[in-house]
Amino acid sequence: MCPIAFTALACAHHPSRCPTVCYSAQVQSEYGKYVRMWGADISLRQFYCMYWVRHQTVGMKIPKFIDSWFANPMNDDERQIKALI
C-alpha cells in the first residue's frame, strides 16, 4: 500500500500542494472503481496463470499492491501464487 495519503478535497482547494500519488495507489484506486462499476471478479486460478506468465516472461509488470494480497497465504492455492511472486 502506498504511504502517500491525501484527500480529494484538499487537492481540489490547493492543487499545487497535492502530492503525486504512486503508481500502485493509482492502480488500486482504478481497480476498485472497475470492480464497483462492472462487478469484476478474478479467481485464484486466473491469478496463478497471470503470475506464472510473469514468471516466464521478462518485462511483464504487476502492481506491488496486487503482490501484497498474497503476502500471507491462507491456503495451498495462495501459497503457490506467493511462490511465483
Protein backbone atom coordinates (compact mmCIF):
# COMPACT_ATOMS: atom_id res chain seq x y z
CA MET A 1 0.00 0.00 0.00
CA CYS A 2 1.27 3.44 -0.89
CA PRO A 3 2.34 5.50 2.14
CA ILE A 4 1.13 8.71 0.49
CA ALA A 5 -2.33 9.64 1.72
CA PHE A 6 -4.35 12.71 0.86
CA THR A 7 -7.95 13.76 0.45
CA ALA A 8 -9.55 14.82 -2.80
CA LEU A 9 -10.98 17.85 -1.03
CA ALA A 10 -7.55 19.14 -0.03
CA CYS A 11 -6.27 18.71 -3.59
CA ALA A 12 -9.32 20.42 -5.05
CA HIS A 13 -8.70 23.50 -2.91
CA HIS A 14 -4.90 23.54 -3.20
CA PRO A 15 -3.82 21.74 -6.41
CA SER A 16 -0.24 22.97 -6.06
CA ARG A 17 0.04 21.18 -2.70
CA CYS A 18 -1.43 17.92 -3.96
CA PRO A 19 1.20 15.15 -3.66
CA THR A 20 1.99 12.87 -6.55
CA VAL A 21 0.34 9.50 -5.98
CA CYS A 22 2.48 6.43 -6.54
CA TYR A 23 1.63 4.05 -9.37
CA SER A 24 0.40 1.27 -7.04
CA ALA A 25 -2.04 3.63 -5.33
CA GLN A 26 -3.37 4.78 -8.69
CA VAL A 27 -3.85 1.18 -9.88
CA GLN A 28 -5.52 0.21 -6.60
CA SER A 29 -7.93 3.11 -6.88
CA GLU A 30 -8.77 2.42 -10.53
CA TYR A 31 -9.16 -1.32 -9.89
CA GLY A 32 -11.59 -0.57 -7.04
CA LYS A 33 -13.63 1.66 -9.36
CA TYR A 34 -13.60 -1.03 -12.06
CA VAL A 35 -14.81 -3.72 -9.64
CA ARG A 36 -17.60 -1.48 -8.33
CA MET A 37 -18.69 -0.45 -11.81
CA TRP A 38 -18.57 -3.82 -13.57
CA GLY A 39 -18.67 -6.37 -10.74
CA ALA A 40 -15.35 -7.79 -11.90
CA ASP A 41 -14.08 -10.91 -10.24
CA ILE A 42 -10.88 -12.85 -10.79
CA SER A 43 -10.31 -16.36 -9.48
CA LEU A 44 -7.19 -17.66 -7.77
CA ARG A 45 -6.61 -19.83 -10.84
CA GLN A 46 -6.57 -16.71 -13.03
CA PHE A 47 -4.13 -15.03 -10.62
CA TYR A 48 -1.93 -18.12 -10.72
CA CYS A 49 -1.92 -18.04 -14.54
CA MET A 50 -1.09 -14.32 -14.53
CA TYR A 51 1.84 -14.82 -12.13
CA TRP A 52 3.04 -17.91 -14.00
CA VAL A 53 3.16 -15.90 -17.24
CA ARG A 54 5.04 -13.10 -15.44
CA HIS A 55 7.48 -15.68 -14.06
CA GLN A 56 8.11 -16.96 -17.61
CA THR A 57 8.14 -13.57 -19.36
CA VAL A 58 10.67 -10.83 -18.78
CA GLY A 59 9.13 -7.40 -18.51
CA MET A 60 5.56 -8.26 -17.52
CA LYS A 61 4.57 -5.93 -14.68
CA ILE A 62 2.01 -6.48 -11.93
CA PRO A 63 1.49 -3.69 -9.36
CA LYS A 64 3.07 -4.36 -5.97
CA PHE A 65 -0.24 -3.83 -4.20
CA ILE A 66 -1.58 -6.93 -6.00
CA ASP A 67 1.52 -8.87 -4.93
CA SER A 68 0.74 -7.82 -1.35
CA TRP A 69 -2.59 -9.68 -1.48
CA PHE A 70 -0.59 -12.91 -1.30
CA ALA A 71 1.89 -11.87 1.40
CA ASN A 72 0.16 -14.09 4.00
CA PRO A 73 -1.27 -17.05 2.08
CA MET A 74 -4.24 -18.79 3.69
CA ASN A 75 -4.39 -21.93 1.53
CA ASP A 76 -2.36 -24.01 -0.92
CA ASP A 77 -3.53 -22.03 -3.96
CA GLU A 78 -2.37 -18.76 -2.41
CA ARG A 79 0.94 -20.37 -1.38
CA GLN A 80 1.54 -21.44 -4.99
CA ILE A 81 0.91 -17.89 -6.15
CA LYS A 82 3.24 -16.48 -3.49
CA ALA A 83 5.96 -18.86 -4.67
CA LEU A 84 5.75 -17.30 -8.13
CA ILE A 85 5.99 -13.75 -6.78
